[in-house]
Amino acid sequence: VHALAADIYADPATVMAALVPVASRAGVAMKRTMKKDASGHGHLPGLSNHVEYDLESSATEVRVEVGFRKSGQGNLANIAAFGSVNNAPVMDITRSLADEVPNFMRWVAKVGGEVL
C-alpha cells in the first residue's frame, strides 16, 4: 500500500488525467439513467430535459456532479425526488449513482493499473 501511495504521489497529474475519461464516462451513464428515471411522469413531462452533468478536474481531484438544471421543470426536481405534503416521490435520485459505482470502480482499477 505504501509503494502504491508513493507511486501516486510521485506523479498525481498523470493519474488524475487518466481518471478524467473514466469520470466522464460515469457522468454520462448516470445522466442517462437519471434522464430515464425522470421521464414519463404525467405532471412533469419536461423534467428529463433538465438533467445534466458537470465534470471538473484538477491535479488532485476529479469531480462529477449529476443533477437537475434549476430552470423550467428542473425547479420541481425536489418534489419529484422527495415528494410533497400531497404527493409521494416519483423517482429515486440515488439509483444512477448506486448503479454506476461498481462500473466506476472497475474502470478506475483498470486505468489505475495501466498508469502505475
C-alpha atoms as a PDB file:
ATOM      1  CA  VAL A   1       0.000   0.000   0.000  1.00  0.00           C
ATOM      2  CA  HIS A   2       2.843   2.396   0.833  1.00  0.00           C
ATOM      3  CA  ALA A   3       4.520   1.695  -2.518  1.00  0.00           C
ATOM      4  CA  LEU A   4       1.243   2.358  -4.351  1.00  0.00           C
ATOM      5  CA  ALA A   5       0.742   5.616  -2.453  1.00  0.00           C
ATOM      6  CA  ALA A   6       4.305   6.655  -3.301  1.00  0.00           C
ATOM      7  CA  ASP A   7       3.676   5.976  -6.997  1.00  0.00           C
ATOM      8  CA  ILE A   8       0.505   8.046  -6.965  1.00  0.00           C
ATOM      9  CA  TYR A   9       2.110  10.937  -5.093  1.00  0.00           C
ATOM     10  CA  ALA A  10       5.148  10.851  -7.377  1.00  0.00           C
ATOM     11  CA  ASP A  11       3.039  11.861 -10.400  1.00  0.00           C
ATOM     12  CA  PRO A  12      -0.537  12.726  -9.361  1.00  0.00           C
ATOM     13  CA  ALA A  13      -1.242  14.763 -12.518  1.00  0.00           C
ATOM     14  CA  THR A  14      -0.765  11.693 -14.725  1.00  0.00           C
ATOM     15  CA  VAL A  15      -3.064   9.616 -12.535  1.00  0.00           C
ATOM     16  CA  MET A  16      -5.721  12.347 -12.431  1.00  0.00           C
ATOM     17  CA  ALA A  17      -5.509  12.878 -16.206  1.00  0.00           C
ATOM     18  CA  ALA A  18      -6.097   9.158 -16.737  1.00  0.00           C
ATOM     19  CA  LEU A  19      -9.158   9.261 -14.464  1.00  0.00           C
ATOM     20  CA  VAL A  20     -10.900  12.130 -16.289  1.00  0.00           C
ATOM     21  CA  PRO A  21     -12.270   9.901 -19.107  1.00  0.00           C
ATOM     22  CA  VAL A  22     -13.413   7.333 -16.531  1.00  0.00           C
ATOM     23  CA  ALA A  23     -15.231  10.002 -14.542  1.00  0.00           C
ATOM     24  CA  SER A  24     -16.744  11.426 -17.719  1.00  0.00           C
ATOM     25  CA  ARG A  25     -17.995   8.002 -18.745  1.00  0.00           C
ATOM     26  CA  ALA A  26     -19.566   7.566 -15.299  1.00  0.00           C
ATOM     27  CA  GLY A  27     -21.196  11.005 -15.559  1.00  0.00           C
ATOM     28  CA  VAL A  28     -22.716  10.180 -18.943  1.00  0.00           C
ATOM     29  CA  ALA A  29     -24.027   6.838 -17.650  1.00  0.00           C
ATOM     30  CA  MET A  30     -25.534   8.434 -14.541  1.00  0.00           C
ATOM     31  CA  LYS A  31     -27.104  11.209 -16.625  1.00  0.00           C
ATOM     32  CA  ARG A  32     -28.642   8.625 -18.985  1.00  0.00           C
ATOM     33  CA  THR A  33     -30.124   6.672 -16.059  1.00  0.00           C
ATOM     34  CA  MET A  34     -31.413   9.786 -14.328  1.00  0.00           C
ATOM     35  CA  LYS A  35     -32.999  11.060 -17.568  1.00  0.00           C
ATOM     36  CA  LYS A  36     -34.718   7.698 -17.993  1.00  0.00           C
ATOM     37  CA  ASP A  37     -36.000   7.795 -14.411  1.00  0.00           C
ATOM     38  CA  ALA A  38     -37.178  11.409 -14.806  1.00  0.00           C
ATOM     39  CA  SER A  39     -39.184  10.721 -17.957  1.00  0.00           C
ATOM     40  CA  GLY A  40     -42.748   9.508 -18.297  1.00  0.00           C
ATOM     41  CA  HIS A  41     -44.275  11.424 -15.400  1.00  0.00           C
ATOM     42  CA  GLY A  42     -47.599  12.930 -16.456  1.00  0.00           C
ATOM     43  CA  HIS A  43     -47.311  16.156 -14.476  1.00  0.00           C
ATOM     44  CA  LEU A  44     -43.592  16.639 -15.242  1.00  0.00           C
ATOM     45  CA  PRO A  45     -43.217  15.815 -18.944  1.00  0.00           C
ATOM     46  CA  GLY A  46     -40.161  18.055 -19.401  1.00  0.00           C
ATOM     47  CA  LEU A  47     -38.253  17.056 -16.287  1.00  0.00           C
ATOM     48  CA  SER A  48     -35.877  14.702 -18.100  1.00  0.00           C
ATOM     49  CA  ASN A  49     -34.768  17.562 -20.367  1.00  0.00           C
ATOM     50  CA  HIS A  50     -33.238  19.310 -17.362  1.00  0.00           C
ATOM     51  CA  VAL A  51     -30.827  16.541 -16.289  1.00  0.00           C
ATOM     52  CA  GLU A  52     -27.185  17.471 -16.804  1.00  0.00           C
ATOM     53  CA  TYR A  53     -23.738  16.628 -15.567  1.00  0.00           C
ATOM     54  CA  ASP A  54     -20.619  18.678 -14.921  1.00  0.00           C
ATOM     55  CA  LEU A  55     -17.057  17.415 -14.775  1.00  0.00           C
ATOM     56  CA  GLU A  56     -14.300  19.318 -13.001  1.00  0.00           C
ATOM     57  CA  SER A  57     -10.720  18.199 -12.637  1.00  0.00           C
ATOM     58  CA  SER A  58      -7.506  19.480 -11.165  1.00  0.00           C
ATOM     59  CA  ALA A  59      -4.120  17.989 -10.410  1.00  0.00           C
ATOM     60  CA  THR A  60      -5.505  16.360  -7.264  1.00  0.00           C
ATOM     61  CA  GLU A  61      -9.221  15.836  -7.859  1.00  0.00           C
ATOM     62  CA  VAL A  62     -11.763  14.716 -10.425  1.00  0.00           C
ATOM     63  CA  ARG A  63     -15.384  15.579  -9.664  1.00  0.00           C
ATOM     64  CA  VAL A  64     -18.608  14.668 -11.467  1.00  0.00           C
ATOM     65  CA  GLU A  65     -21.911  16.216 -10.485  1.00  0.00           C
ATOM     66  CA  VAL A  66     -25.154  14.890 -11.969  1.00  0.00           C
ATOM     67  CA  GLY A  67     -28.423  16.621 -11.276  1.00  0.00           C
ATOM     68  CA  PHE A  68     -31.170  18.920 -12.478  1.00  0.00           C
ATOM     69  CA  ARG A  69     -30.613  22.327 -14.037  1.00  0.00           C
ATOM     70  CA  LYS A  70     -32.683  24.731 -11.959  1.00  0.00           C
ATOM     71  CA  SER A  71     -34.866  26.140 -14.702  1.00  0.00           C
ATOM     72  CA  GLY A  72     -38.305  25.255 -16.018  1.00  0.00           C
ATOM     73  CA  GLN A  73     -39.444  21.913 -14.666  1.00  0.00           C
ATOM     74  CA  GLY A  74     -35.958  21.354 -13.243  1.00  0.00           C
ATOM     75  CA  ASN A  75     -37.103  23.628 -10.429  1.00  0.00           C
ATOM     76  CA  LEU A  76     -39.575  20.891  -9.474  1.00  0.00           C
ATOM     77  CA  ALA A  77     -36.950  18.143  -9.206  1.00  0.00           C
ATOM     78  CA  ASN A  78     -37.025  18.221  -5.398  1.00  0.00           C
ATOM     79  CA  ILE A  79     -40.737  17.431  -5.452  1.00  0.00           C
ATOM     80  CA  ALA A  80     -40.164  14.566  -7.911  1.00  0.00           C
ATOM     81  CA  ALA A  81     -37.352  13.179  -5.751  1.00  0.00           C
ATOM     82  CA  PHE A  82     -38.655  13.803  -2.239  1.00  0.00           C
ATOM     83  CA  GLY A  83     -42.387  14.309  -2.708  1.00  0.00           C
ATOM     84  CA  SER A  84     -44.520  16.933  -1.028  1.00  0.00           C
ATOM     85  CA  VAL A  85     -47.301  17.068   1.521  1.00  0.00           C
ATOM     86  CA  ASN A  86     -49.756  15.923  -1.152  1.00  0.00           C
ATOM     87  CA  ASN A  87     -47.556  13.809  -3.456  1.00  0.00           C
ATOM     88  CA  ALA A  88     -45.265  10.845  -2.980  1.00  0.00           C
ATOM     89  CA  PRO A  89     -41.823  10.848  -4.624  1.00  0.00           C
ATOM     90  CA  VAL A  90     -41.870   9.686  -8.254  1.00  0.00           C
ATOM     91  CA  MET A  91     -38.169   8.865  -8.713  1.00  0.00           C
ATOM     92  CA  ASP A  92     -35.082   7.722  -6.824  1.00  0.00           C
ATOM     93  CA  ILE A  93     -32.309  10.230  -7.487  1.00  0.00           C
ATOM     94  CA  THR A  94     -29.689   7.922  -5.938  1.00  0.00           C
ATOM     95  CA  ARG A  95     -30.295   4.977  -8.284  1.00  0.00           C
ATOM     96  CA  SER A  96     -27.994   6.212 -11.036  1.00  0.00           C
ATOM     97  CA  LEU A  97     -25.112   6.551  -8.575  1.00  0.00           C
ATOM     98  CA  ALA A  98     -25.744   3.165  -6.970  1.00  0.00           C
ATOM     99  CA  ASP A  99     -25.883   1.512 -10.393  1.00  0.00           C
ATOM    100  CA  GLU A 100     -22.682   3.194 -11.632  1.00  0.00           C
ATOM    101  CA  VAL A 101     -20.369   2.746  -8.605  1.00  0.00           C
ATOM    102  CA  PRO A 102     -19.382  -0.872  -9.436  1.00  0.00           C
ATOM    103  CA  ASN A 103     -18.629   0.065 -13.054  1.00  0.00           C
ATOM    104  CA  PHE A 104     -16.669   3.138 -11.982  1.00  0.00           C
ATOM    105  CA  MET A 105     -14.597   1.161  -9.500  1.00  0.00           C
ATOM    106  CA  ARG A 106     -13.812  -1.488 -12.122  1.00  0.00           C
ATOM    107  CA  TRP A 107     -12.652   1.157 -14.639  1.00  0.00           C
ATOM    108  CA  VAL A 108     -10.645   3.056 -12.019  1.00  0.00           C
ATOM    109  CA  ALA A 109      -8.840  -0.159 -11.102  1.00  0.00           C
ATOM    110  CA  LYS A 110      -8.146  -0.932 -14.766  1.00  0.00           C
ATOM    111  CA  VAL A 111      -6.928   2.568 -15.653  1.00  0.00           C
ATOM    112  CA  GLY A 112      -5.017   2.923 -12.390  1.00  0.00           C
ATOM    113  CA  GLY A 113      -3.251  -0.375 -13.010  1.00  0.00           C
ATOM    114  CA  GLU A 114      -2.273   0.734 -16.513  1.00  0.00           C
ATOM    115  CA  VAL A 115      -0.996   4.135 -15.366  1.00  0.00           C
ATOM    116  CA  LEU A 116       1.010   2.762 -12.471  1.00  0.00           C
END
